[in-house]
Amino acid sequence: MSQITQTTMQQSQRTAPALREHTRRKPPFNVILLDDNDHTYEYVIDMLQRLFALEPERAFELACEVDTLGRVAVATTTFELAELRRDQIHTFGRDWRIPRCQGSMSATIEPVLQ
């Protein structure tokens, strides 16, 4: 091995740990479902089961929480998936059980406070 190659290898071994990048996780985001008076419990439960694959009992709990508190986190995930889930809620459609209902429920995304 030449002197130049050996010196270069020694230098790279010394600096390699300093150059290593730490893996950073993407910050999580909550998908927040917002309450309104234009959707029934049945609608909310059905939507949560279809979009988030929730068990009926869990979907009912979240429906009660959004009705009581006005908002509920229905998922915590990456920013990109949170955007997709929010958009799916927005495009789920109107509640045919309530004639005045004009469209889907509202949702937003928020960073998880740490």
PDB file of N, CA and C in Angstrom:
ATOM      1  N   MET A   1       0.851  -1.158   0.000  1.00  0.00           N
ATOM      2  CA  MET A   1       0.000   0.000   0.000  1.00  0.00           C
ATOM      3  C   MET A   1       0.901   1.227   0.000  1.00  0.00           C
ATOM      4  N   SER A   2       0.540   2.173  -0.804  1.00  0.00           N
ATOM      5  CA  SER A   2       1.369   3.371  -0.893  1.00  0.00           C
ATOM      6  C   SER A   2       1.163   4.236   0.340  1.00  0.00           C
ATOM      7  N   GLN A   3       2.112   5.116   0.558  1.00  0.00           N
ATOM      8  CA  GLN A   3       2.064   6.025   1.704  1.00  0.00           C
ATOM      9  C   GLN A   3       0.855   6.958   1.614  1.00  0.00           C
ATOM     10  N   ILE A   4       0.522   7.429   0.415  1.00  0.00           N
ATOM     11  CA  ILE A   4      -0.606   8.345   0.220  1.00  0.00           C
ATOM     12  C   ILE A   4      -1.919   7.639   0.547  1.00  0.00           C
ATOM     13  N   THR A   5      -2.074   6.413   0.062  1.00  0.00           N
ATOM     14  CA  THR A   5      -3.289   5.653   0.321  1.00  0.00           C
ATOM     15  C   THR A   5      -3.445   5.366   1.804  1.00  0.00           C
ATOM     16  N   GLN A   6      -2.361   4.978   2.462  1.00  0.00           N
ATOM     17  CA  GLN A   6      -2.409   4.673   3.883  1.00  0.00           C
ATOM     18  C   GLN A   6      -2.760   5.924   4.699  1.00  0.00           C
ATOM     19  N   THR A   7      -2.191   7.053   4.363  1.00  0.00           N
ATOM     20  CA  THR A   7      -2.480   8.308   5.055  1.00  0.00           C
ATOM     21  C   THR A   7      -3.932   8.717   4.843  1.00  0.00           C
ATOM     22  N   THR A   8      -4.430   8.582   3.616  1.00  0.00           N
ATOM     23  CA  THR A   8      -5.814   8.921   3.308  1.00  0.00           C
ATOM     24  C   THR A   8      -6.773   8.039   4.094  1.00  0.00           C
ATOM     25  N   MET A   9      -6.492   6.750   4.213  1.00  0.00           N
ATOM     26  CA  MET A   9      -7.341   5.832   4.962  1.00  0.00           C
ATOM     27  C   MET A   9      -7.343   6.189   6.444  1.00  0.00           C
ATOM     28  N   GLN A  10      -6.199   6.546   6.974  1.00  0.00           N
ATOM     29  CA  GLN A  10      -6.124   6.915   8.387  1.00  0.00           C
ATOM     30  C   GLN A  10      -6.925   8.187   8.662  1.00  0.00           C
ATOM     31  N   GLN A  11      -6.851   9.134   7.736  1.00  0.00           N
ATOM     32  CA  GLN A  11      -7.598  10.381   7.911  1.00  0.00           C
ATOM     33  C   GLN A  11      -9.103  10.135   7.836  1.00  0.00           C
ATOM     34  N   SER A  12      -9.529   9.298   6.904  1.00  0.00           N
ATOM     35  CA  SER A  12     -10.962   9.043   6.769  1.00  0.00           C
ATOM     36  C   SER A  12     -11.494   8.276   7.964  1.00  0.00           C
ATOM     37  N   GLN A  13     -10.685   7.403   8.559  1.00  0.00           N
ATOM     38  CA  GLN A  13     -11.116   6.683   9.750  1.00  0.00           C
ATOM     39  C   GLN A  13     -11.277   7.636  10.925  1.00  0.00           C
ATOM     40  N   ARG A  14     -10.416   8.635  11.015  1.00  0.00           N
ATOM     41  CA  ARG A  14     -10.514   9.594  12.113  1.00  0.00           C
ATOM     42  C   ARG A  14     -11.709  10.533  11.951  1.00  0.00           C
ATOM     43  N   THR A  15     -12.044  10.887  10.722  1.00  0.00           N
ATOM     44  CA  THR A  15     -13.115  11.852  10.502  1.00  0.00           C
ATOM     45  C   THR A  15     -14.465  11.188  10.251  1.00  0.00           C
ATOM     46  N   ALA A  16     -14.515   9.919  10.014  1.00  0.00           N
ATOM     47  CA  ALA A  16     -15.776   9.247   9.696  1.00  0.00           C
ATOM     48  C   ALA A  16     -16.852   9.456  10.756  1.00  0.00           C
ATOM     49  N   PRO A  17     -16.564   9.299  12.050  1.00  0.00           N
ATOM     50  CA  PRO A  17     -17.628   9.523  13.026  1.00  0.00           C
ATOM     51  C   PRO A  17     -18.158  10.957  13.005  1.00  0.00           C
ATOM     52  N   ALA A  18     -17.325  11.896  12.738  1.00  0.00           N
ATOM     53  CA  ALA A  18     -17.758  13.291  12.704  1.00  0.00           C
ATOM     54  C   ALA A  18     -18.668  13.551  11.506  1.00  0.00           C
ATOM     55  N   LEU A  19     -18.507  12.792  10.438  1.00  0.00           N
ATOM     56  CA  LEU A  19     -19.300  12.996   9.236  1.00  0.00           C
ATOM     57  C   LEU A  19     -20.620  12.236   9.261  1.00  0.00           C
ATOM     58  N   ARG A  20     -20.747  11.301  10.167  1.00  0.00           N
ATOM     59  CA  ARG A  20     -21.972  10.522  10.212  1.00  0.00           C
ATOM     60  C   ARG A  20     -23.163  11.422  10.499  1.00  0.00           C
ATOM     61  N   GLU A  21     -24.191  11.187   9.754  1.00  0.00           N
ATOM     62  CA  GLU A  21     -25.409  11.947   9.972  1.00  0.00           C
ATOM     63  C   GLU A  21     -26.312  11.158  10.903  1.00  0.00           C
ATOM     64  N   HIS A  22     -26.938  11.867  11.793  1.00  0.00           N
ATOM     65  CA  HIS A  22     -27.884  11.223  12.684  1.00  0.00           C
ATOM     66  C   HIS A  22     -29.220  11.107  11.975  1.00  0.00           C
ATOM     67  N   THR A  23     -29.837   9.962  12.111  1.00  0.00           N
ATOM     68  CA  THR A  23     -31.152   9.768  11.518  1.00  0.00           C
ATOM     69  C   THR A  23     -32.163  10.575  12.312  1.00  0.00           C
ATOM     70  N   ARG A  24     -32.854  11.433  11.621  1.00  0.00           N
ATOM     71  CA  ARG A  24     -33.864  12.262  12.280  1.00  0.00           C
ATOM     72  C   ARG A  24     -35.237  11.769  11.867  1.00  0.00           C
ATOM     73  N   ARG A  25     -36.093  11.605  12.834  1.00  0.00           N
ATOM     74  CA  ARG A  25     -37.460  11.216  12.552  1.00  0.00           C
ATOM     75  C   ARG A  25     -38.261  12.449  12.152  1.00  0.00           C
ATOM     76  N   LYS A  26     -39.198  12.226  11.261  1.00  0.00           N
ATOM     77  CA  LYS A  26     -40.092  13.310  10.895  1.00  0.00           C
ATOM     78  C   LYS A  26     -41.007  13.578  12.077  1.00  0.00           C
ATOM     79  N   PRO A  27     -41.276  14.833  12.374  1.00  0.00           N
ATOM     80  CA  PRO A  27     -42.160  15.123  13.506  1.00  0.00           C
ATOM     81  C   PRO A  27     -43.579  14.621  13.211  1.00  0.00           C
ATOM     82  N   PRO A  28     -44.262  14.084  14.213  1.00  0.00           N
ATOM     83  CA  PRO A  28     -45.616  13.567  13.992  1.00  0.00           C
ATOM     84  C   PRO A  28     -46.658  14.679  13.949  1.00  0.00           C
ATOM     85  N   PHE A  29     -47.747  14.391  13.256  1.00  0.00           N
ATOM     86  CA  PHE A  29     -48.874  15.317  13.134  1.00  0.00           C
ATOM     87  C   PHE A  29     -50.159  14.600  13.502  1.00  0.00           C
ATOM     88  N   ASN A  30     -51.054  15.331  14.155  1.00  0.00           N
ATOM     89  CA  ASN A  30     -52.383  14.811  14.471  1.00  0.00           C
ATOM     90  C   ASN A  30     -53.366  15.218  13.392  1.00  0.00           C
ATOM     91  N   VAL A  31     -54.254  14.293  13.049  1.00  0.00           N
ATOM     92  CA  VAL A  31     -55.395  14.608  12.200  1.00  0.00           C
ATOM     93  C   VAL A  31     -56.542  14.900  13.161  1.00  0.00           C
ATOM     94  N   ILE A  32     -57.044  16.128  13.118  1.00  0.00           N
ATOM     95  CA  ILE A  32     -58.074  16.584  14.046  1.00  0.00           C
ATOM     96  C   ILE A  32     -59.421  16.666  13.323  1.00  0.00           C
ATOM     97  N   LEU A  33     -60.392  15.903  13.808  1.00  0.00           N
ATOM     98  CA  LEU A  33     -61.755  15.962  13.286  1.00  0.00           C
ATOM     99  C   LEU A  33     -62.506  17.023  14.078  1.00  0.00           C
ATOM    100  N   LEU A  34     -63.199  17.925  13.370  1.00  0.00           N
ATOM    101  CA  LEU A  34     -63.923  19.028  14.002  1.00  0.00           C
ATOM    102  C   LEU A  34     -65.424  18.749  14.014  1.00  0.00           C
ATOM    103  N   ASP A  35     -66.068  19.101  15.097  1.00  0.00           N
ATOM    104  CA  ASP A  35     -67.498  18.839  15.269  1.00  0.00           C
ATOM    105  C   ASP A  35     -68.346  19.833  14.482  1.00  0.00           C
ATOM    106  N   ASP A  36     -69.520  19.379  14.123  1.00  0.00           N
ATOM    107  CA  ASP A  36     -70.551  20.247  13.561  1.00  0.00           C
ATOM    108  C   ASP A  36     -71.905  19.618  13.870  1.00  0.00           C
ATOM    109  N   ASN A  37     -72.966  20.308  13.557  1.00  0.00           N
ATOM    110  CA  ASN A  37     -74.308  19.784  13.823  1.00  0.00           C
ATOM    111  C   ASN A  37     -74.972  19.216  12.582  1.00  0.00           C
ATOM    112  N   ASP A  38     -74.225  19.038  11.520  1.00  0.00           N
ATOM    113  CA  ASP A  38     -74.789  18.569  10.258  1.00  0.00           C
ATOM    114  C   ASP A  38     -74.433  17.125   9.932  1.00  0.00           C
ATOM    115  N   HIS A  39     -73.923  16.386  10.914  1.00  0.00           N
ATOM    116  CA  HIS A  39     -73.575  14.984  10.680  1.00  0.00           C
ATOM    117  C   HIS A  39     -73.998  14.151  11.884  1.00  0.00           C
ATOM    118  N   THR A  40     -74.525  12.981  11.601  1.00  0.00           N
ATOM    119  CA  THR A  40     -75.004  12.091  12.664  1.00  0.00           C
ATOM    120  C   THR A  40     -73.858  11.243  13.220  1.00  0.00           C
ATOM    121  N   TYR A  41     -74.124  10.664  14.365  1.00  0.00           N
ATOM    122  CA  TYR A  41     -73.159   9.722  14.941  1.00  0.00           C
ATOM    123  C   TYR A  41     -72.894   8.576  13.966  1.00  0.00           C
ATOM    124  N   GLU A  42     -73.951   8.116  13.308  1.00  0.00           N
ATOM    125  CA  GLU A  42     -73.801   7.009  12.352  1.00  0.00           C
ATOM    126  C   GLU A  42     -72.828   7.379  11.236  1.00  0.00           C
ATOM    127  N   TYR A  43     -72.954   8.603  10.754  1.00  0.00           N
ATOM    128  CA  TYR A  43     -72.053   9.088   9.703  1.00  0.00           C
ATOM    129  C   TYR A  43     -70.610   9.081  10.199  1.00  0.00           C
ATOM    130  N   VAL A  44     -70.384   9.659  11.375  1.00  0.00           N
ATOM    131  CA  VAL A  44     -69.020   9.756  11.923  1.00  0.00           C
ATOM    132  C   VAL A  44     -68.436   8.368  12.140  1.00  0.00           C
ATOM    133  N   ILE A  45     -69.217   7.488  12.723  1.00  0.00           N
ATOM    134  CA  ILE A  45     -68.742   6.127  12.983  1.00  0.00           C
ATOM    135  C   ILE A  45     -68.409   5.420  11.677  1.00  0.00           C
ATOM    136  N   ASP A  46     -69.296   5.517  10.696  1.00  0.00           N
ATOM    137  CA  ASP A  46     -69.061   4.890   9.394  1.00  0.00           C
ATOM    138  C   ASP A  46     -67.804   5.442   8.733  1.00  0.00           C
ATOM    139  N   MET A  47     -67.659   6.770   8.755  1.00  0.00           N
ATOM    140  CA  MET A  47     -66.487   7.398   8.141  1.00  0.00           C
ATOM    141  C   MET A  47     -65.193   6.924   8.812  1.00  0.00           C
ATOM    142  N   LEU A  48     -65.167   6.920  10.146  1.00  0.00           N
ATOM    143  CA  LEU A  48     -63.958   6.511  10.869  1.00  0.00           C
ATOM    144  C   LEU A  48     -63.626   5.039  10.621  1.00  0.00           C
ATOM    145  N   GLN A  49     -64.648   4.213  10.520  1.00  0.00           N
ATOM    146  CA  GLN A  49     -64.395   2.798  10.237  1.00  0.00           C
ATOM    147  C   GLN A  49     -63.834   2.609   8.828  1.00  0.00           C
ATOM    148  N   ARG A  50     -64.402   3.296   7.868  1.00  0.00           N
ATOM    149  CA  ARG A  50     -63.952   3.137   6.482  1.00  0.00           C
ATOM    150  C   ARG A  50     -62.566   3.754   6.228  1.00  0.00           C
ATOM    151  N   LEU A  51     -62.356   4.970   6.731  1.00  0.00           N
ATOM    152  CA  LEU A  51     -61.102   5.661   6.434  1.00  0.00           C
ATOM    153  C   LEU A  51     -59.939   5.227   7.320  1.00  0.00           C
ATOM    154  N   PHE A  52     -60.224   4.881   8.572  1.00  0.00           N
ATOM    155  CA  PHE A  52     -59.155   4.603   9.526  1.00  0.00           C
ATOM    156  C   PHE A  52     -59.154   3.159  10.021  1.00  0.00           C
ATOM    157  N   ALA A  53     -60.045   2.347   9.474  1.00  0.00           N
ATOM    158  CA  ALA A  53     -60.129   0.925   9.828  1.00  0.00           C
ATOM    159  C   ALA A  53     -60.278   0.724  11.337  1.00  0.00           C
ATOM    160  N   LEU A  54     -61.119   1.548  11.944  1.00  0.00           N
ATOM    161  CA  LEU A  54     -61.335   1.449  13.384  1.00  0.00           C
ATOM    162  C   LEU A  54     -62.439   0.440  13.690  1.00  0.00           C
ATOM    163  N   GLU A  55     -62.336  -0.169  14.855  1.00  0.00           N
ATOM    164  CA  GLU A  55     -63.400  -1.029  15.348  1.00  0.00           C
ATOM    165  C   GLU A  55     -64.606  -0.148  15.676  1.00  0.00           C
ATOM    166  N   PRO A  56     -65.818  -0.687  15.594  1.00  0.00           N
ATOM    167  CA  PRO A  56     -67.014   0.124  15.873  1.00  0.00           C
ATOM    168  C   PRO A  56     -66.983   0.792  17.250  1.00  0.00           C
ATOM    169  N   GLU A  57     -66.488   0.096  18.242  1.00  0.00           N
ATOM    170  CA  GLU A  57     -66.439   0.650  19.595  1.00  0.00           C
ATOM    171  C   GLU A  57     -65.519   1.867  19.664  1.00  0.00           C
ATOM    172  N   ARG A  58     -64.359   1.773  19.030  1.00  0.00           N
ATOM    173  CA  ARG A  58     -63.408   2.889  19.042  1.00  0.00           C
ATOM    174  C   ARG A  58     -63.959   4.067  18.237  1.00  0.00           C
ATOM    175  N   ALA A  59     -64.591   3.786  17.108  1.00  0.00           N
ATOM    176  CA  ALA A  59     -65.185   4.839  16.294  1.00  0.00           C
ATOM    177  C   ALA A  59     -66.280   5.552  17.081  1.00  0.00           C
ATOM    178  N   PHE A  60     -67.077   4.796  17.853  1.00  0.00           N
ATOM    179  CA  PHE A  60     -68.120   5.399  18.679  1.00  0.00           C
ATOM    180  C   PHE A  60     -67.502   6.291  19.757  1.00  0.00           C
ATOM    181  N   GLU A  61     -66.432   5.835  20.396  1.00  0.00           N
ATOM    182  CA  GLU A  61     -65.757   6.645  21.412  1.00  0.00           C
ATOM    183  C   GLU A  61     -65.284   7.976  20.830  1.00  0.00           C
ATOM    184  N   LEU A  62     -64.688   7.926  19.648  1.00  0.00           N
ATOM    185  CA  LEU A  62     -64.210   9.161  19.016  1.00  0.00           C
ATOM    186  C   LEU A  62     -65.370  10.062  18.606  1.00  0.00           C
ATOM    187  N   ALA A  63     -66.472   9.468  18.159  1.00  0.00           N
ATOM    188  CA  ALA A  63     -67.654  10.262  17.806  1.00  0.00           C
ATOM    189  C   ALA A  63     -68.195  10.980  19.040  1.00  0.00           C
ATOM    190  N   CYS A  64     -68.226  10.299  20.166  1.00  0.00           N
ATOM    191  CA  CYS A  64     -68.671  10.923  21.418  1.00  0.00           C
ATOM    192  C   CYS A  64     -67.729  12.054  21.828  1.00  0.00           C
ATOM    193  N   GLU A  65     -66.437  11.808  21.663  1.00  0.00           N
ATOM    194  CA  GLU A  65     -65.453  12.819  22.060  1.00  0.00           C
ATOM    195  C   GLU A  65     -65.542  14.070  21.186  1.00  0.00           C
ATOM    196  N   VAL A  66     -65.693  13.891  19.890  1.00  0.00           N
ATOM    197  CA  VAL A  66     -65.796  15.072  19.018  1.00  0.00           C
ATOM    198  C   VAL A  66     -67.088  15.827  19.304  1.00  0.00           C
ATOM    199  N   ASP A  67     -68.156  15.114  19.634  1.00  0.00           N
ATOM    200  CA  ASP A  67     -69.421  15.766  19.954  1.00  0.00           C
ATOM    201  C   ASP A  67     -69.328  16.532  21.270  1.00  0.00           C
ATOM    202  N   THR A  68     -68.606  15.987  22.235  1.00  0.00           N
ATOM    203  CA  THR A  68     -68.483  16.602  23.558  1.00  0.00           C
ATOM    204  C   THR A  68     -67.476  17.746  23.578  1.00  0.00           C
ATOM    205  N   LEU A  69     -66.303  17.506  22.997  1.00  0.00           N
ATOM    206  CA  LEU A  69     -65.211  18.476  23.084  1.00  0.00           C
ATOM    207  C   LEU A  69     -65.094  19.404  21.869  1.00  0.00           C
ATOM    208  N   GLY A  70     -65.764  19.033  20.788  1.00  0.00           N
ATOM    209  CA  GLY A  70     -65.706  19.866  19.589  1.00  0.00           C
ATOM    210  C   GLY A  70     -64.583  19.505  18.638  1.00  0.00           C
ATOM    211  N   ARG A  71     -63.704  18.633  19.075  1.00  0.00           N
ATOM    212  CA  ARG A  71     -62.577  18.200  18.239  1.00  0.00           C
ATOM    213  C   ARG A  71     -61.974  16.952  18.844  1.00  0.00           C
ATOM    214  N   VAL A  72     -61.373  16.127  17.984  1.00  0.00           N
ATOM    215  CA  VAL A  72     -60.735  14.906  18.460  1.00  0.00           C
ATOM    216  C   VAL A  72     -59.627  14.517  17.479  1.00  0.00           C
ATOM    217  N   ALA A  73     -58.516  14.050  18.032  1.00  0.00           N
ATOM    218  CA  ALA A  73     -57.436  13.524  17.192  1.00  0.00           C
ATOM    219  C   ALA A  73     -57.813  12.103  16.776  1.00  0.00           C
ATOM    220  N   VAL A  74     -57.938  11.886  15.486  1.00  0.00           N
ATOM    221  CA  VAL A  74     -58.330  10.567  14.988  1.00  0.00           C
ATOM    222  C   VAL A  74     -57.148   9.762  14.473  1.00  0.00           C
ATOM    223  N   ALA A  75     -55.999  10.415  14.310  1.00  0.00           N
ATOM    224  CA  ALA A  75     -54.790   9.708  13.874  1.00  0.00           C
ATOM    225  C   ALA A  75     -53.575  10.574  14.172  1.00  0.00           C
ATOM    226  N   THR A  76     -52.455   9.917  14.394  1.00  0.00           N
ATOM    227  CA  THR A  76     -51.163  10.583  14.550  1.00  0.00           C
ATOM    228  C   THR A  76     -50.199   9.893  13.599  1.00  0.00           C
ATOM    229  N   THR A  77     -49.608  10.673  12.710  1.00  0.00           N
ATOM    230  CA  THR A  77     -48.794  10.088  11.654  1.00  0.00           C
ATOM    231  C   THR A  77     -47.856  11.146  11.068  1.00  0.00           C
ATOM    232  N   THR A  78     -47.231  10.828   9.959  1.00  0.00           N
ATOM    233  CA  THR A  78     -46.345  11.776   9.290  1.00  0.00           C
ATOM    234  C   THR A  78     -47.170  12.895   8.643  1.00  0.00           C
ATOM    235  N   PHE A  79     -46.516  13.983   8.312  1.00  0.00           N
ATOM    236  CA  PHE A  79     -47.195  15.125   7.705  1.00  0.00           C
ATOM    237  C   PHE A  79     -47.916  14.729   6.414  1.00  0.00           C
ATOM    238  N   GLU A  80     -47.236  13.992   5.560  1.00  0.00           N
ATOM    239  CA  GLU A  80     -47.809  13.626   4.266  1.00  0.00           C
ATOM    240  C   GLU A  80     -49.045  12.755   4.424  1.00  0.00           C
ATOM    241  N   LEU A  81     -48.974  11.761   5.313  1.00  0.00           N
ATOM    242  CA  LEU A  81     -50.129  10.894   5.526  1.00  0.00           C
ATOM    243  C   LEU A  81     -51.241  11.636   6.249  1.00  0.00           C
ATOM    244  N   ALA A  82     -50.893  12.547   7.137  1.00  0.00           N
ATOM    245  CA  ALA A  82     -51.909  13.359   7.818  1.00  0.00           C
ATOM    246  C   ALA A  82     -52.671  14.210   6.792  1.00  0.00           C
ATOM    247  N   GLU A  83     -51.953  14.780   5.833  1.00  0.00           N
ATOM    248  CA  GLU A  83     -52.615  15.554   4.778  1.00  0.00           C
ATOM    249  C   GLU A  83     -53.585  14.680   3.986  1.00  0.00           C
ATOM    250  N   LEU A  84     -53.141  13.475   3.654  1.00  0.00           N
ATOM    251  CA  LEU A  84     -53.990  12.549   2.915  1.00  0.00           C
ATOM    252  C   LEU A  84     -55.245  12.214   3.716  1.00  0.00           C
ATOM    253  N   ARG A  85     -55.087  11.898   4.995  1.00  0.00           N
ATOM    254  CA  ARG A  85     -56.227  11.540   5.847  1.00  0.00           C
ATOM    255  C   ARG A  85     -57.201  12.719   5.987  1.00  0.00           C
ATOM    256  N   ARG A  86     -56.669  13.920   6.155  1.00  0.00           N
ATOM    257  CA  ARG A  86     -57.520  15.111   6.226  1.00  0.00           C
ATOM    258  C   ARG A  86     -58.319  15.265   4.931  1.00  0.00           C
ATOM    259  N   ASP A  87     -57.647  15.104   3.810  1.00  0.00           N
ATOM    260  CA  ASP A  87     -58.318  15.238   2.516  1.00  0.00           C
ATOM    261  C   ASP A  87     -59.371  14.151   2.315  1.00  0.00           C
ATOM    262  N   GLN A  88     -59.115  12.947   2.824  1.00  0.00           N
ATOM    263  CA  GLN A  88     -60.104  11.875   2.725  1.00  0.00           C
ATOM    264  C   GLN A  88     -61.355  12.215   3.529  1.00  0.00           C
ATOM    265  N   ILE A  89     -61.168  12.815   4.695  1.00  0.00           N
ATOM    266  CA  ILE A  89     -62.319  13.251   5.496  1.00  0.00           C
ATOM    267  C   ILE A  89     -63.099  14.309   4.721  1.00  0.00           C
ATOM    268  N   HIS A  90     -62.385  15.256   4.125  1.00  0.00           N
ATOM    269  CA  HIS A  90     -63.036  16.346   3.387  1.00  0.00           C
ATOM    270  C   HIS A  90     -63.804  15.858   2.169  1.00  0.00           C
ATOM    271  N   THR A  91     -63.429  14.733   1.620  1.00  0.00           N
ATOM    272  CA  THR A  91     -64.089  14.226   0.413  1.00  0.00           C
ATOM    273  C   THR A  91     -64.982  13.022   0.679  1.00  0.00           C
ATOM    274  N   PHE A  92     -65.241  12.713   1.940  1.00  0.00           N
ATOM    275  CA  PHE A  92     -66.046  11.533   2.264  1.00  0.00           C
ATOM    276  C   PHE A  92     -67.489  11.676   1.788  1.00  0.00           C
ATOM    277  N   GLY A  93     -67.983  12.888   1.722  1.00  0.00           N
ATOM    278  CA  GLY A  93     -69.347  13.098   1.219  1.00  0.00           C
ATOM    279  C   GLY A  93     -70.299  13.556   2.304  1.00  0.00           C
ATOM    280  N   ARG A  94     -71.474  13.910   1.879  1.00  0.00           N
ATOM    281  CA  ARG A  94     -72.481  14.441   2.796  1.00  0.00           C
ATOM    282  C   ARG A  94     -73.161  13.320   3.562  1.00  0.00           C
ATOM    283  N   ASP A  95     -73.816  13.711   4.640  1.00  0.00           N
ATOM    284  CA  ASP A  95     -74.603  12.775   5.443  1.00  0.00           C
ATOM    285  C   ASP A  95     -76.033  12.793   4.906  1.00  0.00           C
ATOM    286  N   TRP A  96     -76.423  11.744   4.220  1.00  0.00           N
ATOM    287  CA  TRP A  96     -77.743  11.683   3.597  1.00  0.00           C
ATOM    288  C   TRP A  96     -78.875  11.628   4.637  1.00  0.00           C
ATOM    289  N   ARG A  97     -78.524  11.360   5.903  1.00  0.00           N
ATOM    290  CA  ARG A  97     -79.538  11.261   6.959  1.00  0.00           C
ATOM    291  C   ARG A  97     -80.071  12.630   7.394  1.00  0.00           C
ATOM    292  N   ILE A  98     -79.322  13.681   7.099  1.00  0.00           N
ATOM    293  CA  ILE A  98     -79.707  15.043   7.481  1.00  0.00           C
ATOM    294  C   ILE A  98     -79.858  15.871   6.203  1.00  0.00           C
ATOM    295  N   PRO A  99     -81.085  16.252   5.866  1.00  0.00           N
ATOM    296  CA  PRO A  99     -81.324  16.971   4.606  1.00  0.00           C
ATOM    297  C   PRO A  99     -80.515  18.260   4.456  1.00  0.00           C
ATOM    298  N   ARG A 100     -80.269  18.983   5.552  1.00  0.00           N
ATOM    299  CA  ARG A 100     -79.539  20.258   5.440  1.00  0.00           C
ATOM    300  C   ARG A 100     -78.029  20.070   5.247  1.00  0.00           C
ATOM    301  N   CYS A 101     -77.564  18.846   5.415  1.00  0.00           N
ATOM    302  CA  CYS A 101     -76.125  18.581   5.281  1.00  0.00           C
ATOM    303  C   CYS A 101     -75.679  18.858   3.847  1.00  0.00           C
ATOM    304  N   GLN A 102     -74.643  19.663   3.723  1.00  0.00           N
ATOM    305  CA  GLN A 102     -74.165  20.067   2.401  1.00  0.00           C
ATOM    306  C   GLN A 102     -72.856  19.405   1.974  1.00  0.00           C
ATOM    307  N   GLY A 103     -72.186  18.745   2.891  1.00  0.00           N
ATOM    308  CA  GLY A 103     -70.911  18.133   2.511  1.00  0.00           C
ATOM    309  C   GLY A 103     -70.286  17.368   3.653  1.00  0.00           C
ATOM    310  N   SER A 104     -69.021  17.106   3.507  1.00  0.00           N
ATOM    311  CA  SER A 104     -68.269  16.312   4.470  1.00  0.00           C
ATOM    312  C   SER A 104     -67.977  17.089   5.736  1.00  0.00           C
ATOM    313  N   MET A 105     -67.454  16.376   6.723  1.00  0.00           N
ATOM    314  CA  MET A 105     -67.021  17.028   7.956  1.00  0.00           C
ATOM    315  C   MET A 105     -65.717  17.775   7.703  1.00  0.00           C
ATOM    316  N   SER A 106     -65.351  18.599   8.649  1.00  0.00           N
ATOM    317  CA  SER A 106     -64.105  19.349   8.555  1.00  0.00           C
ATOM    318  C   SER A 106     -63.029  18.677   9.395  1.00  0.00           C
ATOM    319  N   ALA A 107     -61.808  18.842   8.947  1.00  0.00           N
ATOM    320  CA  ALA A 107     -60.664  18.299   9.683  1.00  0.00           C
ATOM    321  C   ALA A 107     -59.471  19.207   9.404  1.00  0.00           C
ATOM    322  N   THR A 108     -58.508  19.118  10.279  1.00  0.00           N
ATOM    323  CA  THR A 108     -57.277  19.889  10.124  1.00  0.00           C
ATOM    324  C   THR A 108     -56.127  19.008  10.597  1.00  0.00           C
ATOM    325  N   ILE A 109     -54.923  19.469  10.365  1.00  0.00           N
ATOM    326  CA  ILE A 109     -53.752  18.763  10.894  1.00  0.00           C
ATOM    327  C   ILE A 109     -52.956  19.731  11.761  1.00  0.00           C
ATOM    328  N   GLU A 110     -52.374  19.182  12.807  1.00  0.00           N
ATOM    329  CA  GLU A 110     -51.588  19.983  13.740  1.00  0.00           C
ATOM    330  C   GLU A 110     -50.363  19.201  14.169  1.00  0.00           C
ATOM    331  N   PRO A 111     -49.232  19.865  14.355  1.00  0.00           N
ATOM    332  CA  PRO A 111     -48.076  19.146  14.855  1.00  0.00           C
ATOM    333  C   PRO A 111     -48.332  18.677  16.290  1.00  0.00           C
ATOM    334  N   VAL A 112     -47.786  17.515  16.611  1.00  0.00           N
ATOM    335  CA  VAL A 112     -47.904  16.996  17.965  1.00  0.00           C
ATOM    336  C   VAL A 112     -46.980  17.815  18.854  1.00  0.00           C
ATOM    337  N   LEU A 113     -47.534  18.338  19.926  1.00  0.00           N
ATOM    338  CA  LEU A 113     -46.722  19.114  20.862  1.00  0.00           C
ATOM    339  C   LEU A 113     -45.891  18.172  21.707  1.00  0.00           C
ATOM    340  N   GLN A 114     -44.604  18.456  21.777  1.00  0.00           N
ATOM    341  CA  GLN A 114     -43.721  17.565  22.531  1.00  0.00           C
ATOM    342  C   GLN A 114     -43.055  18.286  23.657  1.00  0.00           C
TER     343      GLN A 114
END
